[in-house]
PDB file of N, CA and C in Angstrom:
ATOM      1  N   MET A   1       0.650  -1.027   0.265  1.00  0.00           N
ATOM      2  CA  MET A   1      -0.030  -0.019   0.108  1.00  0.00           C
ATOM      3  C   MET A   1       1.086   1.232  -0.532  1.00  0.00           C
ATOM      4  N   LEU A   2       0.546   2.534  -0.528  1.00  0.00           N
ATOM      5  CA  LEU A   2       1.294   3.446  -0.509  1.00  0.00           C
ATOM      6  C   LEU A   2       0.827   4.529   0.752  1.00  0.00           C
ATOM      7  N   ARG A   3       2.060   4.719   0.907  1.00  0.00           N
ATOM      8  CA  ARG A   3       2.376   5.727   2.145  1.00  0.00           C
ATOM      9  C   ARG A   3       1.617   6.796   2.059  1.00  0.00           C
ATOM     10  N   LYS A   4       0.803   7.691   2.497  1.00  0.00           N
ATOM     11  CA  LYS A   4      -0.065   9.082   2.104  1.00  0.00           C
ATOM     12  C   LYS A   4       0.762  10.130   3.106  1.00  0.00           C
ATOM     13  N   PHE A   5       1.350   9.961   4.421  1.00  0.00           N
ATOM     14  CA  PHE A   5       2.011  10.637   4.844  1.00  0.00           C
ATOM     15  C   PHE A   5       3.095  10.490   5.046  1.00  0.00           C
ATOM     16  N   LYS A   6       3.912  11.501   5.837  1.00  0.00           N
ATOM     17  CA  LYS A   6       5.654  11.451   6.463  1.00  0.00           C
ATOM     18  C   LYS A   6       5.508  12.359   7.779  1.00  0.00           C
ATOM     19  N   SER A   7       6.692  11.985   8.291  1.00  0.00           N
ATOM     20  CA  SER A   7       7.053  12.561   9.559  1.00  0.00           C
ATOM     21  C   SER A   7       6.930  13.749   9.799  1.00  0.00           C
ATOM     22  N   GLY A   8       6.349  14.234  10.464  1.00  0.00           N
ATOM     23  CA  GLY A   8       6.117  15.489  10.398  1.00  0.00           C
ATOM     24  C   GLY A   8       4.872  16.322  10.081  1.00  0.00           C
ATOM     25  N   ASP A   9       4.028  15.752   9.252  1.00  0.00           N
ATOM     26  CA  ASP A   9       3.021  16.501   8.936  1.00  0.00           C
ATOM     27  C   ASP A   9       2.060  16.457   9.853  1.00  0.00           C
ATOM     28  N   TRP A  10       1.005  16.875   9.501  1.00  0.00           N
ATOM     29  CA  TRP A  10      -0.142  18.029  10.462  1.00  0.00           C
ATOM     30  C   TRP A  10      -1.344  17.087  10.330  1.00  0.00           C
ATOM     31  N   VAL A  11      -1.911  15.954  11.133  1.00  0.00           N
ATOM     32  CA  VAL A  11      -3.037  15.440  10.776  1.00  0.00           C
ATOM     33  C   VAL A  11      -4.703  15.573  11.525  1.00  0.00           C
ATOM     34  N   LYS A  12      -6.050  14.911  11.178  1.00  0.00           N
ATOM     35  CA  LYS A  12      -6.523  14.466  12.350  1.00  0.00           C
ATOM     36  C   LYS A  12      -7.342  13.749  11.610  1.00  0.00           C
ATOM     37  N   VAL A  13      -8.370  13.013  12.544  1.00  0.00           N
ATOM     38  CA  VAL A  13      -9.619  11.982  11.959  1.00  0.00           C
ATOM     39  C   VAL A  13     -10.263  12.858  11.831  1.00  0.00           C
ATOM     40  N   LYS A  14     -10.480  11.755  10.740  1.00  0.00           N
ATOM     41  CA  LYS A  14     -11.895  11.835   9.524  1.00  0.00           C
ATOM     42  C   LYS A  14     -13.058  12.242  10.203  1.00  0.00           C
ATOM     43  N   GLY A  15     -13.917  13.460   9.847  1.00  0.00           N
ATOM     44  CA  GLY A  15     -15.352  13.302  10.386  1.00  0.00           C
ATOM     45  C   GLY A  15     -15.650  13.585  11.635  1.00  0.00           C
ATOM     46  N   LYS A  16     -14.349  13.144  12.506  1.00  0.00           N
ATOM     47  CA  LYS A  16     -14.812  13.976  13.974  1.00  0.00           C
ATOM     48  C   LYS A  16     -13.874  15.363  14.077  1.00  0.00           C
ATOM     49  N   LEU A  17     -15.071  16.405  14.735  1.00  0.00           N
ATOM     50  CA  LEU A  17     -14.680  17.597  15.141  1.00  0.00           C
ATOM     51  C   LEU A  17     -14.187  18.166  15.999  1.00  0.00           C
ATOM     52  N   THR A  18     -14.119  16.895  17.023  1.00  0.00           N
ATOM     53  CA  THR A  18     -13.325  17.357  18.013  1.00  0.00           C
ATOM     54  C   THR A  18     -12.008  16.570  18.551  1.00  0.00           C
ATOM     55  N   THR A  19     -11.450  15.834  17.697  1.00  0.00           N
ATOM     56  CA  THR A  19     -10.739  15.563  17.315  1.00  0.00           C
ATOM     57  C   THR A  19      -8.973  16.569  17.608  1.00  0.00           C
ATOM     58  N   PRO A  20      -8.200  16.165  18.390  1.00  0.00           N
ATOM     59  CA  PRO A  20      -7.171  17.135  18.281  1.00  0.00           C
ATOM     60  C   PRO A  20      -6.096  17.039  17.117  1.00  0.00           C
ATOM     61  N   ILE A  21      -5.318  18.009  17.285  1.00  0.00           N
ATOM     62  CA  ILE A  21      -4.516  18.188  15.671  1.00  0.00           C
ATOM     63  C   ILE A  21      -3.754  17.189  16.140  1.00  0.00           C
ATOM     64  N   MET A  22      -2.568  16.508  15.646  1.00  0.00           N
ATOM     65  CA  MET A  22      -1.692  15.570  15.747  1.00  0.00           C
ATOM     66  C   MET A  22      -0.355  16.043  14.792  1.00  0.00           C
ATOM     67  N   GLN A  23       0.562  15.323  15.283  1.00  0.00           N
ATOM     68  CA  GLN A  23       1.813  15.509  14.277  1.00  0.00           C
ATOM     69  C   GLN A  23       2.045  14.161  14.150  1.00  0.00           C
ATOM     70  N   VAL A  24       2.803  13.466  12.661  1.00  0.00           N
ATOM     71  CA  VAL A  24       2.642  12.105  12.673  1.00  0.00           C
ATOM     72  C   VAL A  24       3.765  11.880  13.061  1.00  0.00           C
ATOM     73  N   LEU A  25       4.572  10.376  13.223  1.00  0.00           N
ATOM     74  CA  LEU A  25       6.114  10.317  14.383  1.00  0.00           C
ATOM     75  C   LEU A  25       6.245   9.471  13.130  1.00  0.00           C
ATOM     76  N   LYS A  26       5.652   8.337  13.010  1.00  0.00           N
ATOM     77  CA  LYS A  26       6.503   7.443  12.098  1.00  0.00           C
ATOM     78  C   LYS A  26       5.371   6.481  11.821  1.00  0.00           C
ATOM     79  N   TYR A  27       5.871   5.308  10.655  1.00  0.00           N
ATOM     80  CA  TYR A  27       4.876   4.430  10.282  1.00  0.00           C
ATOM     81  C   TYR A  27       5.562   3.181  11.457  1.00  0.00           C
ATOM     82  N   VAL A  28       4.694   2.800  11.731  1.00  0.00           N
ATOM     83  CA  VAL A  28       4.791   1.365  12.588  1.00  0.00           C
ATOM     84  C   VAL A  28       4.142   0.077  12.153  1.00  0.00           C
ATOM     85  N   SER A  29       5.008  -1.079  12.103  1.00  0.00           N
ATOM     86  CA  SER A  29       4.487  -2.355  11.888  1.00  0.00           C
ATOM     87  C   SER A  29       2.819  -2.418  12.896  1.00  0.00           C
ATOM     88  N   LYS A  30       1.900  -3.514  11.997  1.00  0.00           N
ATOM     89  CA  LYS A  30       1.216  -4.315  12.773  1.00  0.00           C
ATOM     90  C   LYS A  30       0.587  -5.081  12.305  1.00  0.00           C
ATOM     91  N   LYS A  31       0.362  -6.637  13.070  1.00  0.00           N
ATOM     92  CA  LYS A  31       0.192  -7.985  12.248  1.00  0.00           C
ATOM     93  C   LYS A  31      -1.497  -7.804  12.289  1.00  0.00           C
ATOM     94  N   ASP A  32      -1.781  -8.190  10.813  1.00  0.00           N
ATOM     95  CA  ASP A  32      -3.273  -8.187  10.995  1.00  0.00           C
ATOM     96  C   ASP A  32      -3.642 -10.170  11.477  1.00  0.00           C
ATOM     97  N   SER A  33      -4.760  -9.420  12.016  1.00  0.00           N
ATOM     98  CA  SER A  33      -5.175 -10.609  13.352  1.00  0.00           C
ATOM     99  C   SER A  33      -5.981 -11.706  12.496  1.00  0.00           C
ATOM    100  N   ILE A  34      -6.507 -11.593  11.602  1.00  0.00           N
ATOM    101  CA  ILE A  34      -7.228 -12.455  10.082  1.00  0.00           C
ATOM    102  C   ILE A  34      -5.904 -12.984   9.200  1.00  0.00           C
ATOM    103  N   LEU A  35      -5.002 -12.655   8.568  1.00  0.00           N
ATOM    104  CA  LEU A  35      -4.022 -13.013   7.720  1.00  0.00           C
ATOM    105  C   LEU A  35      -2.391 -13.750   8.517  1.00  0.00           C
ATOM    106  N   GLY A  36      -2.776 -12.991   9.795  1.00  0.00           N
ATOM    107  CA  GLY A  36      -1.475 -13.386  10.217  1.00  0.00           C
ATOM    108  C   GLY A  36      -0.335 -12.683   9.588  1.00  0.00           C
ATOM    109  N   LEU A  37      -0.775 -11.469   8.492  1.00  0.00           N
ATOM    110  CA  LEU A  37       0.932 -10.899   8.080  1.00  0.00           C
ATOM    111  C   LEU A  37       0.883  -9.437   8.487  1.00  0.00           C
ATOM    112  N   ILE A  38       2.241  -9.030   8.307  1.00  0.00           N
ATOM    113  CA  ILE A  38       2.726  -8.004   8.839  1.00  0.00           C
ATOM    114  C   ILE A  38       2.786  -6.755   7.842  1.00  0.00           C
ATOM    115  N   ASN A  39       2.263  -5.752   8.136  1.00  0.00           N
ATOM    116  CA  ASN A  39       1.890  -4.340   7.482  1.00  0.00           C
ATOM    117  C   ASN A  39       2.855  -3.047   7.798  1.00  0.00           C
ATOM    118  N   TYR A  40       4.020  -3.216   7.259  1.00  0.00           N
ATOM    119  CA  TYR A  40       4.389  -2.149   7.040  1.00  0.00           C
ATOM    120  C   TYR A  40       4.346  -0.614   7.026  1.00  0.00           C
ATOM    121  N   ASP A  41       3.308  -0.465   6.076  1.00  0.00           N
ATOM    122  CA  ASP A  41       2.907   0.885   5.325  1.00  0.00           C
ATOM    123  C   ASP A  41       1.913   1.384   5.315  1.00  0.00           C
ATOM    124  N   SER A  42       1.068   1.048   6.769  1.00  0.00           N
ATOM    125  CA  SER A  42      -0.806   1.488   6.748  1.00  0.00           C
ATOM    126  C   SER A  42      -1.210   2.197   7.710  1.00  0.00           C
ATOM    127  N   TYR A  43      -0.082   2.385   9.280  1.00  0.00           N
ATOM    128  CA  TYR A  43      -0.348   2.287  10.394  1.00  0.00           C
ATOM    129  C   TYR A  43       0.451   3.308  10.778  1.00  0.00           C
ATOM    130  N   LEU A  44       0.029   4.760  11.372  1.00  0.00           N
ATOM    131  CA  LEU A  44       1.151   6.112  11.889  1.00  0.00           C
ATOM    132  C   LEU A  44       0.710   6.013  13.575  1.00  0.00           C
ATOM    133  N   GLU A  45       2.140   6.174  14.251  1.00  0.00           N
ATOM    134  CA  GLU A  45       2.266   7.015  15.516  1.00  0.00           C
ATOM    135  C   GLU A  45       1.931   7.767  15.243  1.00  0.00           C
ATOM    136  N   CYS A  46       1.036   8.407  16.098  1.00  0.00           N
ATOM    137  CA  CYS A  46       0.722  10.341  16.447  1.00  0.00           C
ATOM    138  C   CYS A  46       1.171  10.606  17.749  1.00  0.00           C
ATOM    139  N   VAL A  47       1.454  11.631  17.780  1.00  0.00           N
ATOM    140  CA  VAL A  47       1.229  12.764  18.789  1.00  0.00           C
ATOM    141  C   VAL A  47       0.651  13.800  19.172  1.00  0.00           C
ATOM    142  N   TRP A  48       0.308  14.211  20.506  1.00  0.00           N
ATOM    143  CA  TRP A  48      -0.503  15.290  20.486  1.00  0.00           C
ATOM    144  C   TRP A  48      -0.494  15.624  21.835  1.00  0.00           C
ATOM    145  N   TYR A  49      -1.099  16.588  22.190  1.00  0.00           N
ATOM    146  CA  TYR A  49      -0.204  17.443  24.112  1.00  0.00           C
ATOM    147  C   TYR A  49      -2.112  17.904  24.229  1.00  0.00           C
ATOM    148  N   LYS A  50      -2.194  17.002  25.427  1.00  0.00           N
ATOM    149  CA  LYS A  50      -3.530  17.103  26.181  1.00  0.00           C
ATOM    150  C   LYS A  50      -2.912  18.116  27.333  1.00  0.00           C
ATOM    151  N   ASN A  51      -3.664  18.910  28.287  1.00  0.00           N
ATOM    152  CA  ASN A  51      -3.426  19.328  29.212  1.00  0.00           C
ATOM    153  C   ASN A  51      -2.022  19.255  30.149  1.00  0.00           C
ATOM    154  N   GLY A  52      -1.120  19.644  28.615  1.00  0.00           N
ATOM    155  CA  GLY A  52       0.865  19.529  28.857  1.00  0.00           C
ATOM    156  C   GLY A  52       1.216  18.273  28.998  1.00  0.00           C
ATOM    157  N   GLU A  53       0.199  17.220  28.967  1.00  0.00           N
ATOM    158  CA  GLU A  53       0.768  15.574  28.778  1.00  0.00           C
ATOM    159  C   GLU A  53       1.135  15.363  26.922  1.00  0.00           C
ATOM    160  N   ARG A  54       1.628  14.756  26.958  1.00  0.00           N
ATOM    161  CA  ARG A  54       2.196  13.838  25.777  1.00  0.00           C
ATOM    162  C   ARG A  54       0.993  12.966  25.735  1.00  0.00           C
ATOM    163  N   LYS A  55       0.521  12.318  24.752  1.00  0.00           N
ATOM    164  CA  LYS A  55      -0.330  11.417  24.535  1.00  0.00           C
ATOM    165  C   LYS A  55       0.183  10.863  23.007  1.00  0.00           C
ATOM    166  N   THR A  56      -0.133   9.494  22.608  1.00  0.00           N
ATOM    167  CA  THR A  56       0.407   8.891  21.278  1.00  0.00           C
ATOM    168  C   THR A  56      -0.710   7.754  21.210  1.00  0.00           C
ATOM    169  N   GLU A  57      -0.968   8.007  19.807  1.00  0.00           N
ATOM    170  CA  GLU A  57      -1.431   6.965  19.925  1.00  0.00           C
ATOM    171  C   GLU A  57      -1.528   5.926  17.933  1.00  0.00           C
ATOM    172  N   VAL A  58      -1.718   5.114  17.629  1.00  0.00           N
ATOM    173  CA  VAL A  58      -1.372   3.881  16.426  1.00  0.00           C
ATOM    174  C   VAL A  58      -2.878   4.264  15.525  1.00  0.00           C
ATOM    175  N   PHE A  59      -3.038   4.844  14.566  1.00  0.00           N
ATOM    176  CA  PHE A  59      -4.021   4.716  13.593  1.00  0.00           C
ATOM    177  C   PHE A  59      -3.840   4.333  12.080  1.00  0.00           C
ATOM    178  N   HIS A  60      -4.844   3.827  11.569  1.00  0.00           N
ATOM    179  CA  HIS A  60      -4.720   3.856   9.934  1.00  0.00           C
ATOM    180  C   HIS A  60      -4.504   4.554   9.168  1.00  0.00           C
ATOM    181  N   GLN A  61      -4.109   4.757   8.435  1.00  0.00           N
ATOM    182  CA  GLN A  61      -3.833   5.817   7.115  1.00  0.00           C
ATOM    183  C   GLN A  61      -4.705   6.517   6.787  1.00  0.00           C
ATOM    184  N   ASN A  62      -6.093   5.364   6.515  1.00  0.00           N
ATOM    185  CA  ASN A  62      -7.185   5.662   5.668  1.00  0.00           C
ATOM    186  C   ASN A  62      -8.090   6.912   6.295  1.00  0.00           C
ATOM    187  N   LYS A  63      -7.464   6.849   8.095  1.00  0.00           N
ATOM    188  CA  LYS A  63      -8.722   7.288   8.901  1.00  0.00           C
ATOM    189  C   LYS A  63      -8.474   8.662   9.337  1.00  0.00           C
ATOM    190  N   LEU A  64      -7.310   9.246   8.643  1.00  0.00           N
ATOM    191  CA  LEU A  64      -6.589  10.256   8.759  1.00  0.00           C
ATOM    192  C   LEU A  64      -7.191  11.461   7.897  1.00  0.00           C
ATOM    193  N   ILE A  65      -6.930  12.955   8.250  1.00  0.00           N
ATOM    194  CA  ILE A  65      -6.523  13.610   6.731  1.00  0.00           C
ATOM    195  C   ILE A  65      -5.397  14.530   7.146  1.00  0.00           C
ATOM    196  N   LYS A  66      -5.185  15.695   6.302  1.00  0.00           N
ATOM    197  CA  LYS A  66      -3.991  15.921   6.451  1.00  0.00           C
ATOM    198  C   LYS A  66      -4.280  17.560   6.920  1.00  0.00           C
ATOM    199  N   THR A  67      -3.982  18.247   7.856  1.00  0.00           N
ATOM    200  CA  THR A  67      -4.312  19.617   8.040  1.00  0.00           C
ATOM    201  C   THR A  67      -3.221  21.083   7.518  1.00  0.00           C
ATOM    202  N   VAL A  68      -3.653  21.925   7.390  1.00  0.00           N
ATOM    203  CA  VAL A  68      -2.502  22.782   6.909  1.00  0.00           C
ATOM    204  C   VAL A  68      -2.091  23.749   8.729  1.00  0.00           C
ATOM    205  N   LYS A  69      -3.065  23.659   8.940  1.00  0.00           N
ATOM    206  CA  LYS A  69      -2.491  24.277  10.402  1.00  0.00           C
ATOM    207  C   LYS A  69      -1.965  23.907  11.243  1.00  0.00           C
ATOM    208  N   THR A  70      -1.364  24.398  12.347  1.00  0.00           N
ATOM    209  CA  THR A  70      -0.327  23.451  12.803  1.00  0.00           C
ATOM    210  C   THR A  70      -1.278  23.296  14.697  1.00  0.00           C
ATOM    211  N   GLY A  71      -0.875  22.618  15.351  1.00  0.00           N
ATOM    212  CA  GLY A  71      -1.200  22.910  16.893  1.00  0.00           C
ATOM    213  C   GLY A  71      -0.215  22.339  17.845  1.00  0.00           C
ATOM    214  N   GLY A  72      -0.498  21.999  18.905  1.00  0.00           N
ATOM    215  CA  GLY A  72       0.239  21.570  20.280  1.00  0.00           C
ATOM    216  C   GLY A  72       1.361  22.363  20.171  1.00  0.00           C
ATOM    217  N   LEU A  73       2.555  21.698  20.664  1.00  0.00           N
ATOM    218  CA  LEU A  73       3.727  22.704  21.457  1.00  0.00           C
ATOM    219  C   LEU A  73       4.303  23.331  20.203  1.00  0.00           C
ATOM    220  N   PHE A  74       4.035  23.046  19.062  1.00  0.00           N
ATOM    221  CA  PHE A  74       4.755  22.813  17.864  1.00  0.00           C
ATOM    222  C   PHE A  74       4.556  24.432  17.120  1.00  0.00           C
ATOM    223  N   LYS A  75       3.462  24.941  17.243  1.00  0.00           N
ATOM    224  CA  LYS A  75       2.974  26.511  17.024  1.00  0.00           C
ATOM    225  C   LYS A  75       4.119  27.114  16.225  1.00  0.00           C
ATOM    226  N   THR A  76       4.383  27.533  15.509  1.00  0.00           N
ATOM    227  CA  THR A  76       5.091  28.343  14.599  1.00  0.00           C
ATOM    228  C   THR A  76       4.313  29.927  14.990  1.00  0.00           C
ATOM    229  N   PHE A  77       5.564  30.992  15.380  1.00  0.00           N
ATOM    230  CA  PHE A  77       4.599  32.269  15.307  1.00  0.00           C
ATOM    231  C   PHE A  77       5.240  33.558  14.638  1.00  0.00           C
ATOM    232  N   PHE A  78       5.046  34.294  13.370  1.00  0.00           N
ATOM    233  CA  PHE A  78       5.802  34.947  12.456  1.00  0.00           C
ATOM    234  C   PHE A  78       5.648  36.454  13.325  1.00  0.00           C
ATOM    235  N   THR A  79       6.733  37.034  13.310  1.00  0.00           N
ATOM    236  CA  THR A  79       6.763  38.628  13.634  1.00  0.00           C
ATOM    237  C   THR A  79       6.961  39.335  12.485  1.00  0.00           C
ATOM    238  N   ASP A  80       6.259  40.531  12.365  1.00  0.00           N
ATOM    239  CA  ASP A  80       6.028  41.592  11.286  1.00  0.00           C
ATOM    240  C   ASP A  80       7.983  41.999  11.285  1.00  0.00           C
ATOM    241  N   THR A  81       8.432  41.574  10.003  1.00  0.00           N
ATOM    242  CA  THR A  81       9.934  42.558  10.062  1.00  0.00           C
ATOM    243  C   THR A  81      10.134  43.464   8.657  1.00  0.00           C
ATOM    244  N   LYS A  82      10.603  44.664   9.124  1.00  0.00           N
ATOM    245  CA  LYS A  82      10.575  45.459   7.997  1.00  0.00           C
ATOM    246  C   LYS A  82      11.573  45.782   7.070  1.00  0.00           C
ATOM    247  N   LEU A  83      11.939  45.899   6.175  1.00  0.00           N
ATOM    248  CA  LEU A  83      13.660  46.120   5.860  1.00  0.00           C
ATOM    249  C   LEU A  83      13.310  47.380   4.829  1.00  0.00           C
ATOM    250  N   SER A  84      14.119  48.165   5.178  1.00  0.00           N
ATOM    251  CA  SER A  84      14.837  49.216   4.382  1.00  0.00           C
ATOM    252  C   SER A  84      15.544  49.528   3.265  1.00  0.00           C
ATOM    253  N   LEU A  85      15.592  49.589   2.195  1.00  0.00           N
ATOM    254  CA  LEU A  85      16.524  49.299   1.307  1.00  0.00           C
ATOM    255  C   LEU A  85      16.960  50.783   0.787  1.00  0.00           C
ATOM    256  N   THR A  86      16.353  51.969   1.311  1.00  0.00           N
ATOM    257  CA  THR A  86      16.453  53.162   0.926  1.00  0.00           C
ATOM    258  C   THR A  86      17.573  53.892   1.955  1.00  0.00           C
ATOM    259  N   GLU A  87      18.679  54.187   1.752  1.00  0.00           N
ATOM    260  CA  GLU A  87      20.034  55.019   2.745  1.00  0.00           C
ATOM    261  C   GLU A  87      19.501  56.759   2.778  1.00  0.00           C
ATOM    262  N   ASN A  88      19.587  57.202   3.877  1.00  0.00           N
ATOM    263  CA  ASN A  88      19.551  58.850   4.064  1.00  0.00           C
ATOM    264  C   ASN A  88      21.109  59.911   3.413  1.00  0.00           C
ATOM    265  N   GLN A  89      21.028  60.295   2.479  1.00  0.00           N
ATOM    266  CA  GLN A  89      21.860  60.545   2.186  1.00  0.00           C
ATOM    267  C   GLN A  89      21.600  62.188   2.037  1.00  0.00           C
ATOM    268  N   LYS A  90      23.033  62.476   2.679  1.00  0.00           N
ATOM    269  CA  LYS A  90      23.052  64.809   2.662  1.00  0.00           C
ATOM    270  C   LYS A  90      23.786  64.951   1.669  1.00  0.00           C
TER     271      LYS A  90
END
């Protein structure tokens, strides 16, 4: 199966409004209970923070969607910087 995400991507669970925004850590191996085969390309370990406590869980990649905005402790803040290309001459 094709991998849909990479480490560092921001995701959330499809169809649920109250799920936290999580960051993908890595793909993990999981054994199929019916066939007994090990799957290396479908299950992701994700991390999020709730009340300062780190939480992790494993999700199937088809249950997740990629988000544009970031969350958790990794928010990036941009400041307005102004550059001046003119010089004061006398």
